[in-house]
Amino acid sequence: MMKTTAGTIAAFTLFAASVAGAEPTQTFMGIVTDTMCGSKPHSNMLKDKTAAECVRVCTHGPYGYALLDGTTVMKLSDQKASANFAGQEVRVTGVYDEKSKTLKVSSIEPTRGN
């Protein structure tokens, strides 16, 4: 028979509380943009560049890839995978952290037609 200690019970309780408080995974649809331009149309920014090229240029320095779902700009946690979809419509599965305005990406894929 296994002995249970107060420390084991406390650790289990803390783990259970953190799992219970975890946000559910959701699916988000939108366009991969950047945190510098956000919701501004990239077709108007750099006249000699495509929207995808503009997004890539605008992710340098302190800026990164984000998802624009029509109204909200959410920074994407997986910058490397997001780079493959710059300027494209995508479906992102993940958890959105309202406080940091960051979407923790579980998966990202193009929508049909891309």
N, C-alpha and C. Protein backbone atom coordinates (compact mmCIF):
# COMPACT_ATOMS: atom_id res chain seq x y z
N MET A 1 0.83 -1.18 0.00
CA MET A 1 0.00 0.00 0.00
C MET A 1 0.88 1.24 0.00
N MET A 2 0.49 2.26 -0.77
CA MET A 2 1.28 3.46 -0.91
C MET A 2 0.90 4.49 0.14
N LYS A 3 1.91 5.11 0.75
CA LYS A 3 1.65 6.16 1.73
C LYS A 3 1.41 7.48 1.02
N THR A 4 0.51 8.26 1.54
CA THR A 4 0.24 9.58 0.99
C THR A 4 0.72 10.61 1.99
N THR A 5 1.49 11.56 1.51
CA THR A 5 1.98 12.61 2.39
C THR A 5 1.24 13.91 2.08
N ALA A 6 1.36 14.84 3.00
CA ALA A 6 0.73 16.15 2.80
C ALA A 6 1.28 16.82 1.54
N GLY A 7 2.59 16.65 1.29
CA GLY A 7 3.22 17.25 0.11
C GLY A 7 2.67 16.67 -1.18
N THR A 8 2.45 15.35 -1.20
CA THR A 8 1.89 14.70 -2.38
C THR A 8 0.48 15.18 -2.66
N ILE A 9 -0.31 15.30 -1.60
CA ILE A 9 -1.69 15.78 -1.75
C ILE A 9 -1.69 17.23 -2.24
N ALA A 10 -0.82 18.06 -1.69
CA ALA A 10 -0.76 19.47 -2.11
C ALA A 10 -0.34 19.58 -3.57
N ALA A 11 0.64 18.77 -4.00
CA ALA A 11 1.10 18.81 -5.39
C ALA A 11 -0.01 18.37 -6.33
N PHE A 12 -0.73 17.31 -5.97
CA PHE A 12 -1.83 16.82 -6.80
C PHE A 12 -2.93 17.88 -6.89
N THR A 13 -3.26 18.51 -5.78
CA THR A 13 -4.31 19.53 -5.76
C THR A 13 -3.93 20.71 -6.65
N LEU A 14 -2.67 21.13 -6.58
CA LEU A 14 -2.19 22.23 -7.42
C LEU A 14 -2.26 21.85 -8.90
N PHE A 15 -1.84 20.62 -9.23
CA PHE A 15 -1.91 20.14 -10.61
C PHE A 15 -3.35 20.10 -11.11
N ALA A 16 -4.25 19.56 -10.30
CA ALA A 16 -5.66 19.45 -10.69
C ALA A 16 -6.26 20.83 -10.90
N ALA A 17 -5.91 21.79 -10.06
CA ALA A 17 -6.43 23.15 -10.20
C ALA A 17 -5.91 23.80 -11.48
N SER A 18 -4.64 23.55 -11.81
CA SER A 18 -4.09 24.16 -13.02
C SER A 18 -4.72 23.55 -14.27
N VAL A 19 -4.98 22.26 -14.25
CA VAL A 19 -5.63 21.61 -15.40
C VAL A 19 -7.07 22.09 -15.53
N ALA A 20 -7.76 22.20 -14.42
CA ALA A 20 -9.16 22.63 -14.44
C ALA A 20 -9.28 24.06 -14.93
N GLY A 21 -8.28 24.91 -14.65
CA GLY A 21 -8.33 26.31 -15.05
C GLY A 21 -7.78 26.57 -16.43
N ALA A 22 -7.28 25.53 -17.10
CA ALA A 22 -6.70 25.71 -18.43
C ALA A 22 -7.79 26.10 -19.43
N GLU A 23 -7.43 27.01 -20.31
CA GLU A 23 -8.36 27.46 -21.34
C GLU A 23 -8.54 26.36 -22.38
N PRO A 24 -9.73 26.22 -22.92
CA PRO A 24 -9.96 25.20 -23.96
C PRO A 24 -9.34 25.63 -25.29
N THR A 25 -8.92 24.64 -26.06
CA THR A 25 -8.39 24.89 -27.40
C THR A 25 -9.54 25.32 -28.30
N GLN A 26 -9.29 26.32 -29.13
CA GLN A 26 -10.30 26.83 -30.05
C GLN A 26 -9.70 26.90 -31.46
N THR A 27 -10.56 27.10 -32.44
CA THR A 27 -10.12 27.29 -33.82
C THR A 27 -10.40 28.73 -34.22
N PHE A 28 -9.39 29.36 -34.80
CA PHE A 28 -9.48 30.75 -35.24
C PHE A 28 -9.19 30.80 -36.73
N MET A 29 -9.93 31.64 -37.45
CA MET A 29 -9.74 31.82 -38.88
C MET A 29 -9.33 33.27 -39.12
N GLY A 30 -8.40 33.47 -40.03
CA GLY A 30 -7.99 34.83 -40.35
C GLY A 30 -6.82 34.86 -41.29
N ILE A 31 -6.19 36.03 -41.37
CA ILE A 31 -5.05 36.25 -42.26
C ILE A 31 -3.81 36.46 -41.41
N VAL A 32 -2.71 35.82 -41.82
CA VAL A 32 -1.45 36.02 -41.12
C VAL A 32 -0.91 37.38 -41.52
N THR A 33 -0.80 38.25 -40.52
CA THR A 33 -0.31 39.61 -40.70
C THR A 33 0.87 39.80 -39.75
N ASP A 34 1.13 41.03 -39.37
CA ASP A 34 2.22 41.29 -38.42
C ASP A 34 1.73 42.26 -37.35
N THR A 35 2.47 42.33 -36.26
CA THR A 35 2.06 43.18 -35.14
C THR A 35 2.35 44.66 -35.39
N MET A 36 3.16 44.99 -36.38
CA MET A 36 3.42 46.39 -36.68
C MET A 36 2.24 47.00 -37.44
N CYS A 37 1.80 46.36 -38.50
CA CYS A 37 0.72 46.90 -39.33
C CYS A 37 -0.65 46.48 -38.84
N GLY A 38 -0.72 45.32 -38.20
CA GLY A 38 -1.99 44.85 -37.65
C GLY A 38 -3.07 44.68 -38.69
N SER A 39 -4.10 45.53 -38.59
CA SER A 39 -5.26 45.39 -39.48
C SER A 39 -5.16 46.27 -40.73
N LYS A 40 -4.08 47.02 -40.90
CA LYS A 40 -3.93 47.86 -42.09
C LYS A 40 -3.68 46.95 -43.31
N PRO A 41 -4.28 47.28 -44.45
CA PRO A 41 -4.08 46.44 -45.63
C PRO A 41 -2.64 46.53 -46.16
N HIS A 42 -2.01 45.39 -46.32
CA HIS A 42 -0.62 45.37 -46.78
C HIS A 42 -0.48 45.75 -48.24
N SER A 43 -1.54 45.66 -48.99
CA SER A 43 -1.46 46.04 -50.41
C SER A 43 -1.18 47.53 -50.57
N ASN A 44 -1.43 48.33 -49.53
CA ASN A 44 -1.20 49.78 -49.60
C ASN A 44 0.14 50.19 -49.03
N MET A 45 0.85 49.29 -48.36
CA MET A 45 2.07 49.65 -47.65
C MET A 45 3.29 49.79 -48.55
N LEU A 46 3.72 48.72 -49.12
CA LEU A 46 4.89 48.72 -50.00
C LEU A 46 4.40 48.44 -51.41
N LYS A 47 4.36 49.47 -52.23
CA LYS A 47 3.73 49.40 -53.56
C LYS A 47 4.32 48.32 -54.47
N ASP A 48 5.62 48.06 -54.34
CA ASP A 48 6.25 47.08 -55.23
C ASP A 48 6.32 45.68 -54.64
N LYS A 49 5.63 45.43 -53.52
CA LYS A 49 5.66 44.14 -52.85
C LYS A 49 4.26 43.53 -52.77
N THR A 50 4.21 42.20 -52.70
CA THR A 50 2.94 41.53 -52.47
C THR A 50 2.60 41.66 -50.98
N ALA A 51 1.38 41.30 -50.62
CA ALA A 51 0.97 41.34 -49.21
C ALA A 51 1.87 40.43 -48.38
N ALA A 52 2.20 39.26 -48.88
CA ALA A 52 3.06 38.32 -48.15
C ALA A 52 4.45 38.91 -47.94
N GLU A 53 5.01 39.53 -48.97
CA GLU A 53 6.34 40.15 -48.85
C GLU A 53 6.31 41.29 -47.84
N CYS A 54 5.26 42.07 -47.86
CA CYS A 54 5.12 43.19 -46.92
C CYS A 54 5.07 42.67 -45.48
N VAL A 55 4.29 41.62 -45.26
CA VAL A 55 4.19 41.05 -43.92
C VAL A 55 5.57 40.60 -43.45
N ARG A 56 6.31 39.93 -44.32
CA ARG A 56 7.65 39.45 -43.95
C ARG A 56 8.59 40.62 -43.61
N VAL A 57 8.52 41.70 -44.38
CA VAL A 57 9.35 42.88 -44.12
C VAL A 57 8.96 43.50 -42.76
N CYS A 58 7.68 43.52 -42.46
CA CYS A 58 7.18 44.18 -41.25
C CYS A 58 7.35 43.36 -39.98
N THR A 59 7.92 42.16 -40.07
CA THR A 59 8.11 41.34 -38.88
C THR A 59 9.52 41.45 -38.31
N HIS A 60 10.30 42.36 -38.82
CA HIS A 60 11.67 42.53 -38.30
C HIS A 60 11.66 43.37 -37.03
N GLY A 61 12.73 43.24 -36.27
CA GLY A 61 12.84 44.01 -35.03
C GLY A 61 11.90 43.48 -33.97
N PRO A 62 11.21 44.38 -33.29
CA PRO A 62 10.35 43.94 -32.18
C PRO A 62 9.01 43.39 -32.63
N TYR A 63 8.75 43.38 -33.91
CA TYR A 63 7.44 42.95 -34.42
C TYR A 63 7.45 41.48 -34.81
N GLY A 64 6.28 40.88 -34.82
CA GLY A 64 6.18 39.46 -35.15
C GLY A 64 4.93 39.15 -35.93
N TYR A 65 4.76 37.88 -36.28
CA TYR A 65 3.59 37.43 -37.01
C TYR A 65 2.38 37.40 -36.09
N ALA A 66 1.22 37.71 -36.66
CA ALA A 66 -0.02 37.77 -35.90
C ALA A 66 -1.15 37.26 -36.79
N LEU A 67 -2.27 36.97 -36.16
CA LEU A 67 -3.47 36.57 -36.89
C LEU A 67 -4.49 37.68 -36.78
N LEU A 68 -5.00 38.12 -37.92
CA LEU A 68 -6.08 39.10 -37.96
C LEU A 68 -7.35 38.34 -38.30
N ASP A 69 -8.27 38.27 -37.33
CA ASP A 69 -9.51 37.50 -37.54
C ASP A 69 -10.65 38.38 -38.04
N GLY A 70 -10.32 39.56 -38.51
CA GLY A 70 -11.33 40.50 -38.99
C GLY A 70 -11.39 41.73 -38.10
N THR A 71 -11.25 41.53 -36.80
CA THR A 71 -11.29 42.65 -35.86
C THR A 71 -10.13 42.64 -34.88
N THR A 72 -9.68 41.46 -34.48
CA THR A 72 -8.65 41.34 -33.45
C THR A 72 -7.32 40.90 -34.05
N VAL A 73 -6.25 41.54 -33.60
CA VAL A 73 -4.90 41.15 -34.00
C VAL A 73 -4.30 40.38 -32.84
N MET A 74 -4.00 39.09 -33.07
CA MET A 74 -3.48 38.22 -32.03
C MET A 74 -2.07 37.77 -32.41
N LYS A 75 -1.09 38.09 -31.57
CA LYS A 75 0.28 37.65 -31.84
C LYS A 75 0.29 36.12 -31.82
N LEU A 76 1.02 35.52 -32.77
CA LEU A 76 1.10 34.07 -32.86
C LEU A 76 2.35 33.58 -32.13
N SER A 77 2.19 32.57 -31.29
CA SER A 77 3.31 32.08 -30.49
C SER A 77 4.36 31.36 -31.33
N ASP A 78 3.95 30.70 -32.40
CA ASP A 78 4.87 29.95 -33.25
C ASP A 78 5.24 30.82 -34.45
N GLN A 79 6.29 31.61 -34.29
CA GLN A 79 6.70 32.53 -35.34
C GLN A 79 7.27 31.81 -36.56
N LYS A 80 7.97 30.71 -36.34
CA LYS A 80 8.59 29.98 -37.45
C LYS A 80 7.53 29.40 -38.38
N ALA A 81 6.54 28.72 -37.83
CA ALA A 81 5.47 28.13 -38.65
C ALA A 81 4.64 29.23 -39.30
N SER A 82 4.40 30.31 -38.58
CA SER A 82 3.58 31.41 -39.09
C SER A 82 4.21 32.05 -40.32
N ALA A 83 5.54 32.10 -40.36
CA ALA A 83 6.25 32.71 -41.49
C ALA A 83 5.90 32.03 -42.82
N ASN A 84 5.58 30.75 -42.76
CA ASN A 84 5.23 30.00 -43.98
C ASN A 84 3.89 30.44 -44.57
N PHE A 85 3.09 31.18 -43.78
CA PHE A 85 1.74 31.55 -44.21
C PHE A 85 1.53 33.06 -44.28
N ALA A 86 2.60 33.83 -44.36
CA ALA A 86 2.49 35.29 -44.39
C ALA A 86 1.53 35.75 -45.48
N GLY A 87 0.56 36.59 -45.10
CA GLY A 87 -0.40 37.13 -46.05
C GLY A 87 -1.50 36.19 -46.48
N GLN A 88 -1.52 34.97 -45.95
CA GLN A 88 -2.51 33.96 -46.37
C GLN A 88 -3.62 33.80 -45.34
N GLU A 89 -4.76 33.30 -45.82
CA GLU A 89 -5.85 32.92 -44.92
C GLU A 89 -5.52 31.57 -44.33
N VAL A 90 -5.67 31.48 -43.00
CA VAL A 90 -5.32 30.24 -42.31
C VAL A 90 -6.37 29.88 -41.27
N ARG A 91 -6.25 28.65 -40.80
CA ARG A 91 -7.03 28.13 -39.69
C ARG A 91 -6.02 27.79 -38.60
N VAL A 92 -6.14 28.44 -37.44
CA VAL A 92 -5.22 28.21 -36.33
C VAL A 92 -5.98 27.57 -35.19
N THR A 93 -5.42 26.49 -34.67
CA THR A 93 -5.97 25.85 -33.49
C THR A 93 -5.04 26.20 -32.33
N GLY A 94 -5.63 26.64 -31.23
CA GLY A 94 -4.80 27.01 -30.09
C GLY A 94 -5.60 27.64 -28.98
N VAL A 95 -4.88 28.25 -28.07
CA VAL A 95 -5.49 28.90 -26.90
C VAL A 95 -5.10 30.37 -26.92
N TYR A 96 -6.10 31.24 -26.82
CA TYR A 96 -5.86 32.69 -26.84
C TYR A 96 -5.74 33.21 -25.42
N ASP A 97 -4.64 33.93 -25.16
CA ASP A 97 -4.42 34.57 -23.87
C ASP A 97 -4.77 36.04 -24.03
N GLU A 98 -5.91 36.42 -23.49
CA GLU A 98 -6.42 37.79 -23.61
C GLU A 98 -5.44 38.81 -23.03
N LYS A 99 -4.83 38.47 -21.91
CA LYS A 99 -3.93 39.40 -21.23
C LYS A 99 -2.74 39.79 -22.09
N SER A 100 -2.09 38.79 -22.69
CA SER A 100 -0.91 39.07 -23.52
C SER A 100 -1.26 39.25 -24.99
N LYS A 101 -2.54 39.04 -25.34
CA LYS A 101 -3.02 39.12 -26.72
C LYS A 101 -2.22 38.19 -27.64
N THR A 102 -1.91 37.01 -27.10
CA THR A 102 -1.12 36.03 -27.84
C THR A 102 -1.92 34.75 -28.02
N LEU A 103 -1.87 34.21 -29.21
CA LEU A 103 -2.52 32.95 -29.54
C LEU A 103 -1.45 31.85 -29.51
N LYS A 104 -1.55 30.97 -28.51
CA LYS A 104 -0.61 29.86 -28.39
C LYS A 104 -1.02 28.82 -29.43
N VAL A 105 -0.21 28.67 -30.45
CA VAL A 105 -0.53 27.86 -31.62
C VAL A 105 -0.30 26.37 -31.35
N SER A 106 -1.34 25.58 -31.56
CA SER A 106 -1.21 24.11 -31.56
C SER A 106 -0.99 23.63 -32.98
N SER A 107 -1.74 24.24 -33.93
CA SER A 107 -1.56 23.92 -35.35
C SER A 107 -1.99 25.10 -36.19
N ILE A 108 -1.39 25.18 -37.36
CA ILE A 108 -1.75 26.24 -38.31
C ILE A 108 -1.74 25.63 -39.70
N GLU A 109 -2.79 25.91 -40.48
CA GLU A 109 -2.89 25.36 -41.82
C GLU A 109 -3.65 26.34 -42.71
N PRO A 110 -3.37 26.31 -44.01
CA PRO A 110 -4.09 27.20 -44.92
C PRO A 110 -5.55 26.77 -45.03
N THR A 111 -6.42 27.74 -45.27
CA THR A 111 -7.80 27.40 -45.55
C THR A 111 -7.88 26.94 -46.99
N ARG A 112 -8.99 26.39 -47.38
CA ARG A 112 -9.14 25.94 -48.77
C ARG A 112 -8.95 27.11 -49.72
N GLY A 113 -8.34 26.83 -50.85
CA GLY A 113 -8.19 27.87 -51.86
C GLY A 113 -6.84 28.57 -51.81
N ASN A 114 -6.06 28.32 -50.77
CA ASN A 114 -4.73 28.94 -50.68
C ASN A 114 -3.70 28.11 -51.40
